[in-house]
Amino acid sequence: MSRSFKAFNKHLTLLPLHHKRTASHAFLPSLPLFPHFSSSSFSPFRPLSSSASATLMEVVKAIAKQEPAVHESVAVRADQKSYSYKQLFSSAQKISNLLCGGDVKVGNLGGARIGIVAKPSAEFVAGMLGIWLSGGVAVPLAISYPEVELLYVMHNSDVSAILSTEDHSELMQNVANKSSSQLFHLPPVLNKSSEKSREEHSQNGENGIDRIFLDNIGRLSEDPALILYTSGTTGKPKGVVHTHRSILAQVQTLTKAWEYTSADKFLHCLPLHHVHGLFNGLMAPLYAGSTVEFLPKFSVRGVWQRWRESYPTDGSKADDAITVFTGVPTIYSRLIQGYHAMDPELQATSAYAAKNLRLMMCGSSALPQPVMQEWEAITGHRLLERYGMTEFVMALSNPLKGERKPGTVGKPFPGIQIKIISDEDGGNENTGTGELCVKSPSLFKEYWKLPEVTKESFTDDGFFKTGDAVTTDEDGYYIILGRTNADIIKAGGYKLSALEIESVIIEATSSCCRMLRFRLTRQRLWRDCWCNHCATG
C-alpha cells in the first residue's frame, strides 16, 4: 500500500476493512470489525499497556499486507434494509456519546455494567460496540424474559443503565424504575439507502473518531467485556464474565476452523443472549467481515423462501445469497416438517436451493440421528455438530472438511486442551468415560460475585469442570452422555446415559414421530410426542 502509516491508521480506525484470505495470513487479516474492539480491550481499569498496544499493532501489520475492500460493505441486513460496517461504527460512536454524557474524548464508563435489550438488529450490534467503546461491560437481556427474570439479572449484575429500542421502552422503563437504572433509547442506525446517511458520512469523515479509538488502545484485554447468564437449570442463573481477550480468542478460533470469510452471508434466527446466536452466528461472522441477515423470528416458510431466493433453479446465484446457516435441533425438525408439507415442485426447488449453501451447523442440544439423516437426504448436508458452554463458548467440533460422525461433537479446536476425569478412581484420562474438563484461551474469567463457586469449578491445574459426562469413540471423537448430576442413571451396576436412551427410542419411533423429547426428572421419565398422524402423550 503506497500511503503513509498515519493515513493508513486513520483509514483503519474509520473504515472496517475486508480482504481476501491468503495462506500466509489466514488467522488475523480478514477480520475487520472486532479487532478494534476486542484486541485493544475497551475496558477502563488500567493505563496504557505495551502488550495491548503490541496486540493492536500485529493486527495493523496483518491488515496492512492486504488490499482493503470497499468500506461500505454490508455488515447487517434486517427488515429488508442493509447497514454497512461504517454505519455501525458511526452509530456506536453516537451511543458512546450518549452513555458518556457527551465526553467522547474520555469514553470511560469505569467497567459499569450496561444492559442491552433489542430484537436482533443493527441497533443491537451498534449498542454492543457502543458499550465497549465507552469502557462498559455489556449484559445482553432476553426480550423473552418476564419482568421478574429481567430484574434478577439486572440486580445480580448491578446494571446501572439500559439500552433499549423503542418497541421495548414501556417494559424496560418499568424495569429501570424498579432497579434504579437509567434507560437510554438506542438511536436507529441509518441504512445504506438513506441519503441522510451518505451526507452524514461525508460531513463527519474527519470528526475525530480515529482519536477516540487510539485513546482506547490502553485498556487491557483481561478486563471484563461481557456478562452472559447461564440457563439456571441446576440453580439460579450465574453471570459468566468474559474478557476482551476471551472474546477475541473465540471469534478467531471459529473464523479459522469454519473458514468464515467476507464472502459469507449468514441467515440468523437465534437469540442473542446465548453464545450460539451471539458468537457463532454474529460476532465471529462480523469479525470475518461477513454479512449477517437477521430474521425477525424463526419462520419455517421464511427460511425456505430465503434459500430459494438465493439459489434459483436456473443455476444462477443472487448477489445476497445465503451461504451459512446454524440452528438448534428443533429448528431442523421443523424445517423437515415444512418440507414434507410442500408440493413436489416446491420440494424440488427448496432442496436444490439448500444444497447450494456452503455450511450448515447444529448445536445447543443433542441432534437426534434420524433428524440428521433425513436432513442429509433432503439437502445433501451432513450437519456439523459442535459442543460449547456459556463458560468457554465452543471447544469441540466435527471437522469442516473430513468425517462428521453422527452422535458425536468432534474433537477439540486447535489450542484447546481437554481431559476426562474418571469418577471411578479420581484419575485423569484423555480417553474413557468421565467428566469433561476444558482449558481454553476463550475460558471465562469468573462467575460474577461468586468467588467460591468460581474456585470450585476449576481443577488445581486450571481446567474448567463442565459437569458433562463424556466418552470417546475409537477415532477420538467425543460423545456427550449428559449431565453428570442428572442424566447418568445407575442401574444394576451399570451407568446408563439418558441421552443415549433418548436417541435409541427416537430412532425406534422416528417412522411415526417427527419430534420426540424425553426429559429425566428425579424418579420419572415423561414424554411429549408430536406425530404426523396421531397425538399421544
Protein backbone atom coordinates (compact mmCIF):
# COMPACT_ATOMS: atom_id res chain seq x y z
CA MET A 1 0.00 0.00 0.00
CA SER A 2 1.51 3.29 -1.05
CA ARG A 3 0.34 5.52 1.78
CA SER A 4 1.85 6.84 4.99
CA PHE A 5 1.29 4.97 8.23
CA LYS A 6 -0.65 7.94 9.61
CA ALA A 7 -3.00 7.91 6.67
CA PHE A 8 -3.36 4.15 6.83
CA ASN A 9 -4.04 4.25 10.57
CA LYS A 10 -6.75 6.84 10.07
CA HIS A 11 -8.28 4.66 7.37
CA LEU A 12 -8.10 1.65 9.67
CA THR A 13 -9.92 3.34 12.54
CA LEU A 14 -12.54 4.97 10.37
CA LEU A 15 -13.32 2.19 7.95
CA PRO A 16 -13.85 -1.51 8.55
CA LEU A 17 -11.67 -3.41 6.16
CA HIS A 18 -12.48 -6.57 4.25
CA HIS A 19 -9.97 -8.60 2.37
CA LYS A 20 -9.38 -11.91 0.77
CA ARG A 21 -7.88 -14.71 2.77
CA THR A 22 -4.35 -15.73 1.95
CA ALA A 23 -2.36 -18.69 3.11
CA SER A 24 0.23 -16.63 4.96
CA HIS A 25 -2.36 -14.60 6.88
CA ALA A 26 -5.25 -16.96 7.37
CA PHE A 27 -5.68 -16.26 11.07
CA LEU A 28 -5.95 -12.49 11.51
CA PRO A 29 -6.12 -10.38 8.42
CA SER A 30 -9.63 -10.87 7.08
CA LEU A 31 -11.20 -9.76 10.34
CA PRO A 32 -12.23 -6.14 10.16
CA LEU A 33 -14.69 -5.37 12.91
CA PHE A 34 -13.81 -6.75 16.30
CA PRO A 35 -10.01 -6.39 16.30
CA HIS A 36 -10.60 -2.73 17.13
CA PHE A 37 -12.97 -3.51 19.96
CA SER A 38 -11.66 -6.80 21.29
CA SER A 39 -7.93 -7.00 20.88
CA SER A 40 -7.47 -3.42 22.03
CA SER A 41 -9.70 -4.22 25.00
CA PHE A 42 -12.07 -1.39 25.71
CA SER A 43 -12.16 -1.74 29.45
CA PRO A 44 -11.08 1.11 31.69
CA PHE A 45 -9.34 -0.40 34.64
CA ARG A 46 -5.67 0.06 33.78
CA PRO A 47 -3.41 2.52 31.96
CA LEU A 48 -1.76 2.05 28.59
CA SER A 49 -0.05 -1.29 28.20
CA SER A 50 2.71 -2.12 25.78
CA SER A 51 1.27 -5.62 25.36
CA ALA A 52 -2.17 -4.29 24.44
CA SER A 53 -0.56 -1.84 22.02
CA ALA A 54 1.55 -4.60 20.52
CA THR A 55 -1.55 -6.74 20.02
CA LEU A 56 -3.20 -3.96 18.05
CA MET A 57 -0.04 -3.34 16.02
CA GLU A 58 0.09 -7.00 15.00
CA VAL A 59 -3.43 -6.68 13.67
CA VAL A 60 -2.49 -3.44 11.88
CA LYS A 61 0.52 -5.10 10.27
CA ALA A 62 -1.54 -8.07 9.15
CA ILE A 63 -4.25 -5.91 7.66
CA ALA A 64 -1.70 -3.62 6.00
CA LYS A 65 -0.46 -6.54 3.92
CA GLN A 66 -3.94 -6.97 2.46
CA GLU A 67 -5.70 -4.74 0.00
CA PRO A 68 -8.81 -3.27 1.71
CA ALA A 69 -12.20 -3.76 0.09
CA VAL A 70 -14.89 -1.15 -0.15
CA HIS A 71 -15.67 0.16 3.33
CA GLU A 72 -19.40 0.37 2.59
CA SER A 73 -19.73 -3.44 2.57
CA VAL A 74 -22.91 -4.72 4.20
CA ALA A 75 -22.49 -5.87 7.79
CA VAL A 76 -26.11 -6.42 8.79
CA ARG A 77 -29.41 -6.90 6.99
CA ALA A 78 -32.68 -6.63 8.90
CA ASP A 79 -36.24 -5.74 8.00
CA GLN A 80 -35.24 -5.59 4.32
CA LYS A 81 -32.67 -2.86 5.00
CA SER A 82 -28.88 -3.04 4.73
CA TYR A 83 -26.36 -1.49 7.10
CA SER A 84 -22.65 -1.08 6.38
CA TYR A 85 -19.79 -1.57 8.78
CA LYS A 86 -19.13 2.14 8.63
CA GLN A 87 -22.71 2.90 9.62
CA LEU A 88 -22.41 0.58 12.61
CA PHE A 89 -19.24 2.40 13.70
CA SER A 90 -20.95 5.76 13.32
CA SER A 91 -23.93 4.64 15.39
CA ALA A 92 -21.65 3.09 18.03
CA GLN A 93 -19.95 6.45 18.41
CA LYS A 94 -23.33 8.13 18.99
CA ILE A 95 -24.22 5.54 21.62
CA SER A 96 -20.87 6.02 23.33
CA ASN A 97 -21.53 9.76 23.35
CA LEU A 98 -24.97 9.08 24.87
CA LEU A 99 -23.62 6.81 27.62
CA CYS A 100 -20.69 9.06 28.47
CA GLY A 101 -22.72 12.24 28.66
CA GLY A 102 -21.08 13.79 25.64
CA ASP A 103 -17.50 13.35 26.83
CA VAL A 104 -16.40 11.21 23.89
CA LYS A 105 -12.76 12.11 24.46
CA VAL A 106 -12.81 10.22 27.73
CA GLY A 107 -15.28 7.48 26.81
CA ASN A 108 -14.77 5.78 30.16
CA LEU A 109 -17.64 4.08 31.99
CA GLY A 110 -15.28 2.54 34.51
CA GLY A 111 -16.38 -1.02 33.77
CA ALA A 112 -20.03 -0.26 34.54
CA ARG A 113 -22.48 -2.95 33.52
CA ILE A 114 -24.83 -1.82 30.76
CA GLY A 115 -27.90 -3.90 29.95
CA ILE A 116 -28.99 -4.12 26.34
CA VAL A 117 -32.35 -5.35 25.13
CA ALA A 118 -33.31 -5.27 21.47
CA LYS A 119 -34.51 -7.68 18.84
CA PRO A 120 -31.77 -9.00 16.53
CA SER A 121 -30.97 -5.85 14.58
CA ALA A 122 -28.35 -3.33 13.55
CA GLU A 123 -29.26 -1.38 16.70
CA PHE A 124 -28.28 -4.34 18.89
CA VAL A 125 -24.89 -4.63 17.18
CA ALA A 126 -24.22 -0.89 17.39
CA GLY A 127 -25.27 -0.94 21.04
CA MET A 128 -22.77 -3.66 21.91
CA LEU A 129 -19.99 -1.79 20.14
CA GLY A 130 -21.00 1.48 21.76
CA ILE A 131 -20.82 -0.09 25.23
CA TRP A 132 -17.32 -1.44 24.57
CA LEU A 133 -16.16 1.81 23.02
CA SER A 134 -17.31 3.56 26.21
CA GLY A 135 -15.42 1.22 28.54
CA GLY A 136 -18.54 -0.59 29.73
CA VAL A 137 -19.44 -4.26 30.21
CA ALA A 138 -22.33 -5.47 28.04
CA VAL A 139 -25.12 -7.52 29.63
CA PRO A 140 -27.48 -8.79 26.89
CA LEU A 141 -31.04 -9.18 28.18
CA ALA A 142 -33.51 -11.56 26.56
CA ILE A 143 -36.60 -9.92 25.10
CA SER A 144 -38.44 -13.11 26.09
CA TYR A 145 -37.62 -12.73 29.79
CA PRO A 146 -40.55 -11.93 32.09
CA GLU A 147 -40.05 -8.91 34.29
CA VAL A 148 -39.03 -10.93 37.34
CA GLU A 149 -36.16 -12.57 35.44
CA LEU A 150 -35.02 -9.28 33.97
CA LEU A 151 -34.92 -7.79 37.46
CA TYR A 152 -32.93 -10.76 38.79
CA VAL A 153 -30.26 -10.38 36.10
CA MET A 154 -30.11 -6.62 36.50
CA HIS A 155 -29.86 -6.69 40.28
CA ASN A 156 -27.33 -9.50 40.23
CA SER A 157 -25.06 -7.83 37.68
CA ASP A 158 -25.50 -4.34 39.15
CA VAL A 159 -26.67 -2.90 35.85
CA SER A 160 -26.51 0.90 36.04
CA ALA A 161 -28.02 1.71 32.64
CA ILE A 162 -30.14 0.01 29.99
CA LEU A 163 -30.00 0.43 26.24
CA SER A 164 -33.32 -0.43 24.63
CA THR A 165 -35.11 0.10 21.35
CA GLU A 166 -38.40 2.00 21.35
CA ASP A 167 -40.51 -1.14 20.95
CA HIS A 168 -39.46 -2.34 24.42
CA SER A 169 -39.47 1.05 26.11
CA GLU A 170 -42.58 0.57 28.28
CA LEU A 171 -41.42 -2.71 29.80
CA MET A 172 -37.84 -1.55 30.21
CA GLN A 173 -38.86 1.75 31.78
CA ASN A 174 -40.76 -0.18 34.45
CA VAL A 175 -37.77 -2.44 34.97
CA ALA A 176 -35.38 0.51 35.09
CA ASN A 177 -37.52 2.25 37.72
CA LYS A 178 -37.53 -0.86 39.90
CA SER A 179 -33.79 -1.41 39.54
CA SER A 180 -32.64 2.22 39.90
CA SER A 181 -31.16 2.06 36.42
CA GLN A 182 -31.17 4.75 33.77
CA LEU A 183 -32.91 3.94 30.48
CA PHE A 184 -31.47 5.09 27.16
CA HIS A 185 -33.14 4.55 23.80
CA LEU A 186 -30.93 3.09 21.12
CA PRO A 187 -30.92 5.51 18.16
CA PRO A 188 -31.89 3.98 14.81
CA VAL A 189 -28.90 3.02 12.66
CA LEU A 190 -29.01 4.79 9.31
CA ASN A 191 -29.21 2.29 6.47
CA LYS A 192 -27.40 2.25 3.16
CA SER A 193 -30.37 3.55 1.18
CA SER A 194 -30.62 6.68 3.28
CA GLU A 195 -29.42 9.85 1.60
CA LYS A 196 -29.00 11.37 5.04
CA SER A 197 -26.58 8.59 5.91
CA ARG A 198 -24.35 9.37 2.93
CA GLU A 199 -24.39 13.08 3.70
CA GLU A 200 -23.54 12.50 7.34
CA HIS A 201 -20.56 10.28 6.48
CA SER A 202 -19.22 12.81 4.02
CA GLN A 203 -19.52 15.59 6.60
CA ASN A 204 -18.18 13.65 9.57
CA GLY A 205 -15.29 11.83 7.98
CA GLU A 206 -12.82 13.90 9.97
CA ASN A 207 -14.79 14.06 13.24
CA GLY A 208 -12.09 12.63 15.49
CA ILE A 209 -13.32 9.04 15.78
CA ASP A 210 -9.79 7.91 14.96
CA ARG A 211 -8.54 9.72 18.04
CA ILE A 212 -11.22 8.04 20.16
CA PHE A 213 -10.14 4.59 19.02
CA LEU A 214 -6.50 5.38 19.65
CA ASP A 215 -7.32 6.77 23.11
CA ASN A 216 -8.92 3.43 23.97
CA ILE A 217 -5.96 1.27 22.99
CA GLY A 218 -4.63 1.31 26.55
CA ARG A 219 -7.38 -0.81 28.02
CA LEU A 220 -6.09 -4.25 28.82
CA SER A 221 -7.59 -7.36 27.29
CA GLU A 222 -8.06 -9.15 30.63
CA ASP A 223 -10.72 -6.65 31.68
CA PRO A 224 -14.39 -7.69 31.57
CA ALA A 225 -16.33 -7.04 28.38
CA LEU A 226 -19.42 -9.23 28.56
CA ILE A 227 -21.63 -10.97 31.13
CA LEU A 228 -23.89 -13.78 29.91
CA TYR A 229 -26.21 -15.66 32.25
CA THR A 230 -26.48 -19.43 32.40
CA SER A 231 -29.87 -21.08 31.96
CA GLY A 232 -30.18 -21.83 35.66
CA THR A 233 -31.17 -25.49 35.21
CA THR A 234 -29.27 -26.53 38.35
CA GLY A 235 -29.92 -23.40 40.44
CA LYS A 236 -30.16 -19.68 40.00
CA PRO A 237 -28.61 -18.32 36.77
CA LYS A 238 -24.98 -17.36 37.17
CA GLY A 239 -23.32 -14.39 35.48
CA VAL A 240 -20.45 -15.62 33.30
CA VAL A 241 -17.82 -12.91 32.83
CA HIS A 242 -15.93 -12.87 29.53
CA THR A 243 -12.98 -10.61 28.86
CA HIS A 244 -11.96 -8.88 25.66
CA ARG A 245 -9.20 -11.46 25.32
CA SER A 246 -11.53 -14.46 25.67
CA ILE A 247 -13.95 -12.96 23.12
CA LEU A 248 -11.15 -12.33 20.64
CA ALA A 249 -9.72 -15.83 21.13
CA GLN A 250 -13.08 -17.44 20.43
CA VAL A 251 -14.01 -15.47 17.31
CA GLN A 252 -10.55 -16.12 15.88
CA THR A 253 -10.91 -19.84 16.59
CA LEU A 254 -14.35 -20.11 14.96
CA THR A 255 -13.37 -17.99 11.99
CA LYS A 256 -10.38 -20.17 11.24
CA ALA A 257 -11.98 -23.57 11.97
CA TRP A 258 -15.13 -22.97 9.92
CA GLU A 259 -13.47 -20.71 7.33
CA TYR A 260 -15.71 -17.71 7.74
CA THR A 261 -14.84 -15.02 5.17
CA SER A 262 -16.15 -11.70 3.89
CA ALA A 263 -17.87 -13.65 1.09
CA ASP A 264 -20.19 -15.38 3.57
CA LYS A 265 -23.80 -14.40 4.15
CA PHE A 266 -25.37 -15.74 7.37
CA LEU A 267 -29.10 -16.21 7.91
CA HIS A 268 -29.59 -15.59 11.64
CA CYS A 269 -32.68 -16.67 13.61
CA LEU A 270 -31.27 -17.36 17.08
CA PRO A 271 -31.50 -15.40 20.36
CA LEU A 272 -28.60 -13.07 21.15
CA HIS A 273 -28.33 -13.66 24.88
CA HIS A 274 -26.83 -17.15 24.34
CA VAL A 275 -23.40 -18.00 22.94
CA HIS A 276 -24.77 -19.88 19.89
CA GLY A 277 -26.51 -16.84 18.46
CA LEU A 278 -24.10 -14.23 19.81
CA PHE A 279 -20.72 -15.80 18.99
CA ASN A 280 -21.27 -18.44 16.29
CA GLY A 281 -23.93 -16.52 14.40
CA LEU A 282 -22.98 -12.87 14.94
CA MET A 283 -19.63 -11.83 16.43
CA ALA A 284 -17.44 -14.34 14.58
CA PRO A 285 -19.11 -13.58 11.22
CA LEU A 286 -18.74 -9.82 11.76
CA TYR A 287 -15.14 -10.37 12.79
CA ALA A 288 -14.62 -12.12 9.47
CA GLY A 289 -16.25 -9.31 7.51
CA SER A 290 -19.30 -11.41 6.64
CA THR A 291 -22.88 -10.20 6.28
CA VAL A 292 -25.40 -11.26 8.93
CA GLU A 293 -29.05 -11.21 7.89
CA PHE A 294 -31.50 -11.25 10.79
CA LEU A 295 -34.92 -12.85 10.56
CA PRO A 296 -37.36 -11.09 12.94
CA LYS A 297 -38.16 -14.51 14.34
CA PHE A 298 -37.73 -18.08 13.19
CA SER A 299 -40.14 -18.99 10.42
CA VAL A 300 -40.14 -22.30 8.54
CA ARG A 301 -41.64 -20.64 5.48
CA GLY A 302 -39.27 -17.66 5.77
CA VAL A 303 -36.09 -19.77 5.92
CA TRP A 304 -37.02 -21.99 2.97
CA GLN A 305 -38.12 -18.96 0.94
CA ARG A 306 -34.87 -17.08 1.66
CA TRP A 307 -32.86 -20.05 0.45
CA ARG A 308 -34.96 -20.34 -2.72
CA GLU A 309 -34.41 -16.63 -3.40
CA SER A 310 -30.67 -17.18 -3.00
CA TYR A 311 -30.39 -20.04 -5.48
CA PRO A 312 -32.99 -20.08 -8.30
CA THR A 313 -33.35 -23.30 -10.23
CA ASP A 314 -31.92 -21.68 -13.38
CA GLY A 315 -28.47 -22.16 -11.86
CA SER A 316 -27.88 -18.52 -11.00
CA LYS A 317 -26.93 -17.17 -7.59
CA ALA A 318 -28.32 -13.98 -6.05
CA ASP A 319 -25.81 -11.30 -5.05
CA ASP A 320 -27.00 -11.58 -1.45
CA ALA A 321 -27.27 -15.39 -1.46
CA ILE A 322 -27.15 -17.06 1.96
CA THR A 323 -24.07 -19.28 2.39
CA VAL A 324 -24.15 -20.32 6.07
CA PHE A 325 -26.93 -21.37 8.44
CA THR A 326 -26.74 -22.50 12.05
CA GLY A 327 -29.58 -23.69 14.24
CA VAL A 328 -30.73 -25.97 17.03
CA PRO A 329 -32.20 -29.47 16.50
CA THR A 330 -35.78 -28.25 16.88
CA ILE A 331 -35.26 -25.79 14.02
CA TYR A 332 -34.15 -28.57 11.68
CA SER A 333 -37.04 -30.78 12.81
CA ARG A 334 -39.49 -28.02 11.95
CA LEU A 335 -37.81 -27.32 8.62
CA ILE A 336 -38.20 -31.00 7.77
CA GLN A 337 -41.87 -30.82 8.71
CA GLY A 338 -42.26 -27.77 6.50
CA TYR A 339 -40.53 -29.54 3.62
CA HIS A 340 -42.91 -32.50 3.79
CA ALA A 341 -45.88 -30.12 3.74
CA MET A 342 -44.77 -28.70 0.36
CA ASP A 343 -45.99 -29.88 -3.01
CA PRO A 344 -43.45 -31.91 -5.05
CA GLU A 345 -42.41 -28.95 -7.24
CA LEU A 346 -41.71 -26.69 -4.25
CA GLN A 347 -39.85 -29.55 -2.54
CA ALA A 348 -37.56 -29.85 -5.55
CA THR A 349 -36.75 -26.13 -5.71
CA SER A 350 -36.26 -25.96 -1.93
CA ALA A 351 -33.94 -28.96 -1.80
CA TYR A 352 -31.94 -27.61 -4.75
CA ALA A 353 -31.51 -24.25 -3.01
CA ALA A 354 -30.46 -25.76 0.32
CA LYS A 355 -27.84 -27.93 -1.36
CA ASN A 356 -26.03 -24.78 -2.53
CA LEU A 357 -25.27 -23.38 0.91
CA ARG A 358 -21.62 -23.67 1.93
CA LEU A 359 -22.17 -24.81 5.52
CA MET A 360 -24.97 -25.86 7.87
CA MET A 361 -24.35 -26.36 11.57
CA CYS A 362 -26.31 -27.57 14.59
CA GLY A 363 -25.81 -27.28 18.32
CA SER A 364 -27.10 -26.29 21.78
CA SER A 365 -28.55 -29.76 22.35
CA ALA A 366 -28.08 -33.28 21.03
CA LEU A 367 -29.13 -33.79 17.41
CA PRO A 368 -31.22 -36.98 17.00
CA GLN A 369 -29.66 -39.17 14.34
CA PRO A 370 -32.93 -39.62 12.41
CA VAL A 371 -33.14 -35.84 12.05
CA MET A 372 -29.54 -35.67 10.83
CA GLN A 373 -30.10 -38.50 8.36
CA GLU A 374 -33.31 -37.08 6.94
CA TRP A 375 -31.82 -33.61 6.63
CA GLU A 376 -28.88 -35.04 4.71
CA ALA A 377 -31.24 -36.97 2.44
CA ILE A 378 -33.19 -33.78 1.65
CA THR A 379 -30.39 -31.22 1.34
CA GLY A 380 -27.17 -33.20 0.89
CA HIS A 381 -25.77 -31.53 4.03
CA ARG A 382 -24.48 -33.58 6.93
CA LEU A 383 -24.93 -31.08 9.73
CA LEU A 384 -21.75 -30.00 11.51
CA GLU A 385 -22.27 -30.66 15.22
CA ARG A 386 -20.14 -28.96 17.86
CA TYR A 387 -20.07 -28.54 21.62
CA GLY A 388 -19.87 -25.48 23.80
CA MET A 389 -20.96 -23.81 27.01
CA THR A 390 -21.51 -20.25 28.18
CA GLU A 391 -18.26 -20.51 30.15
CA PHE A 392 -15.96 -21.10 27.15
CA VAL A 393 -18.28 -20.76 24.13
CA MET A 394 -17.07 -23.54 21.75
CA ALA A 395 -14.46 -26.20 22.48
CA LEU A 396 -15.21 -29.28 20.33
CA SER A 397 -16.33 -29.56 16.74
CA ASN A 398 -16.75 -32.02 13.95
CA PRO A 399 -14.48 -31.01 11.08
CA LEU A 400 -15.40 -28.61 8.31
CA LYS A 401 -13.53 -30.92 5.94
CA GLY A 402 -13.43 -34.53 6.96
CA GLU A 403 -15.74 -37.09 8.52
CA ARG A 404 -18.62 -35.70 10.56
CA LYS A 405 -19.73 -38.51 12.82
CA PRO A 406 -23.38 -38.71 13.88
CA GLY A 407 -23.86 -38.75 17.62
CA THR A 408 -20.52 -37.06 18.30
CA VAL A 409 -19.35 -33.48 18.81
CA GLY A 410 -15.98 -33.99 17.16
CA LYS A 411 -12.57 -33.13 18.55
CA PRO A 412 -11.01 -30.11 20.31
CA PHE A 413 -10.27 -26.97 18.33
CA PRO A 414 -6.54 -26.21 17.97
CA GLY A 415 -5.16 -24.62 21.13
CA ILE A 416 -7.83 -26.12 23.39
CA GLN A 417 -6.89 -28.76 25.96
CA ILE A 418 -9.32 -31.46 27.05
CA LYS A 419 -9.15 -34.09 29.74
CA ILE A 420 -11.61 -36.57 31.20
CA ILE A 421 -11.77 -37.04 34.96
CA SER A 422 -12.98 -40.50 35.81
CA ASP A 423 -15.11 -40.72 38.94
CA GLU A 424 -14.06 -44.33 39.39
CA ASP A 425 -10.57 -43.70 40.69
CA GLY A 426 -10.16 -39.93 40.54
CA GLY A 427 -7.57 -40.30 37.83
CA ASN A 428 -7.19 -38.16 34.73
CA GLU A 429 -7.53 -39.64 31.29
CA ASN A 430 -7.61 -38.48 27.72
CA THR A 431 -9.95 -41.33 26.84
CA GLY A 432 -12.53 -43.41 28.66
CA THR A 433 -15.64 -42.14 30.42
CA GLY A 434 -15.97 -39.36 32.95
CA GLU A 435 -16.42 -35.62 33.41
CA LEU A 436 -15.21 -33.41 30.57
CA CYS A 437 -12.77 -30.69 31.61
CA VAL A 438 -11.67 -27.83 29.35
CA LYS A 439 -8.77 -25.39 29.26
CA SER A 440 -9.14 -22.77 26.54
CA PRO A 441 -7.98 -19.24 25.62
CA SER A 442 -11.69 -18.37 25.46
CA LEU A 443 -12.37 -19.53 29.02
CA PHE A 444 -14.39 -17.12 31.14
CA LYS A 445 -12.80 -15.06 33.90
CA GLU A 446 -15.23 -15.73 36.75
CA TYR A 447 -18.80 -16.17 37.86
CA TRP A 448 -19.99 -12.69 38.76
CA LYS A 449 -19.81 -12.14 42.55
CA LEU A 450 -19.36 -15.88 43.19
CA PRO A 451 -15.66 -16.36 44.01
CA GLU A 452 -16.12 -19.67 45.83
CA VAL A 453 -18.25 -21.16 43.08
CA THR A 454 -15.66 -19.99 40.55
CA LYS A 455 -12.85 -21.64 42.52
CA GLU A 456 -14.76 -24.91 42.88
CA SER A 457 -15.42 -25.01 39.12
CA PHE A 458 -11.75 -25.44 38.26
CA THR A 459 -9.24 -28.19 38.82
CA ASP A 460 -5.95 -27.38 40.53
CA ASP A 461 -4.24 -27.24 37.13
CA GLY A 462 -6.71 -24.75 35.64
CA PHE A 463 -9.20 -26.94 33.77
CA PHE A 464 -12.86 -25.93 33.92
CA LYS A 465 -15.13 -28.75 35.10
CA THR A 466 -18.06 -28.76 32.69
CA GLY A 467 -20.34 -31.11 34.61
CA ASP A 468 -20.91 -33.08 31.39
CA ALA A 469 -20.18 -36.78 31.20
CA VAL A 470 -18.40 -37.85 28.02
CA THR A 471 -16.69 -40.74 26.35
CA THR A 472 -14.71 -41.09 23.14
CA ASP A 473 -15.01 -43.46 20.20
CA GLU A 474 -12.23 -45.39 18.51
CA ASP A 475 -11.22 -42.33 16.45
CA GLY A 476 -11.07 -39.92 19.35
CA TYR A 477 -14.40 -38.20 18.62
CA TYR A 478 -16.17 -37.05 21.78
CA ILE A 479 -19.67 -38.25 22.69
CA ILE A 480 -21.73 -36.28 25.21
CA LEU A 481 -23.53 -38.65 27.61
CA GLY A 482 -25.38 -35.96 29.58
CA ARG A 483 -25.05 -34.00 32.80
CA THR A 484 -23.21 -35.92 35.49
CA ASN A 485 -25.75 -34.89 38.14
CA ALA A 486 -28.92 -35.56 36.14
CA ASP A 487 -28.54 -37.67 33.01
CA ILE A 488 -26.39 -40.58 34.20
CA ILE A 489 -28.56 -43.38 35.55
CA LYS A 490 -27.01 -46.02 37.80
CA ALA A 491 -28.85 -49.31 37.49
CA GLY A 492 -27.74 -52.88 38.12
CA GLY A 493 -24.11 -51.89 38.39
CA TYR A 494 -24.20 -50.05 35.05
CA LYS A 495 -24.12 -46.38 34.21
CA LEU A 496 -26.67 -45.51 31.56
CA SER A 497 -26.85 -42.25 29.63
CA ALA A 498 -30.30 -40.69 29.41
CA LEU A 499 -29.24 -39.10 26.12
CA GLU A 500 -28.32 -42.49 24.66
CA ILE A 501 -31.64 -43.95 25.82
CA GLU A 502 -33.40 -41.00 24.26
CA SER A 503 -31.53 -41.49 20.99
CA VAL A 504 -32.45 -45.19 20.78
CA ILE A 505 -36.14 -44.51 21.46
CA ILE A 506 -36.25 -41.65 18.96
CA GLU A 507 -34.67 -43.84 16.30
CA ALA A 508 -37.14 -46.64 17.04
CA THR A 509 -40.13 -44.31 16.80
CA SER A 510 -38.90 -42.00 14.05
CA SER A 511 -41.15 -43.56 11.41
CA CYS A 512 -44.14 -42.26 13.37
CA CYS A 513 -42.88 -39.20 15.20
CA ARG A 514 -41.39 -36.01 13.82
CA MET A 515 -40.30 -34.75 17.19
CA LEU A 516 -39.89 -36.75 20.37
CA ARG A 517 -38.47 -35.38 23.57
CA PHE A 518 -37.58 -37.14 26.75
CA ARG A 519 -36.61 -35.47 29.95
CA LEU A 520 -35.35 -37.17 33.02
CA THR A 521 -36.56 -35.77 36.32
CA ARG A 522 -35.61 -37.29 39.63
CA GLN A 523 -37.62 -40.50 39.51
CA ARG A 524 -39.75 -40.34 36.41
CA LEU A 525 -39.39 -40.03 32.67
CA TRP A 526 -42.03 -38.06 30.83
CA ARG A 527 -42.61 -37.68 27.17
CA ASP A 528 -44.06 -35.14 24.77
CA CYS A 529 -44.68 -36.62 21.38
CA TRP A 530 -45.90 -34.90 18.22
CA CYS A 531 -46.75 -37.31 15.43
CA ASN A 532 -47.76 -36.91 11.82
CA HIS A 533 -50.94 -38.91 12.25
CA CYS A 534 -51.50 -39.06 15.99
CA ALA A 535 -51.09 -37.13 19.22
CA THR A 536 -50.04 -39.32 22.12
CA GLY A 537 -48.69 -38.31 25.47
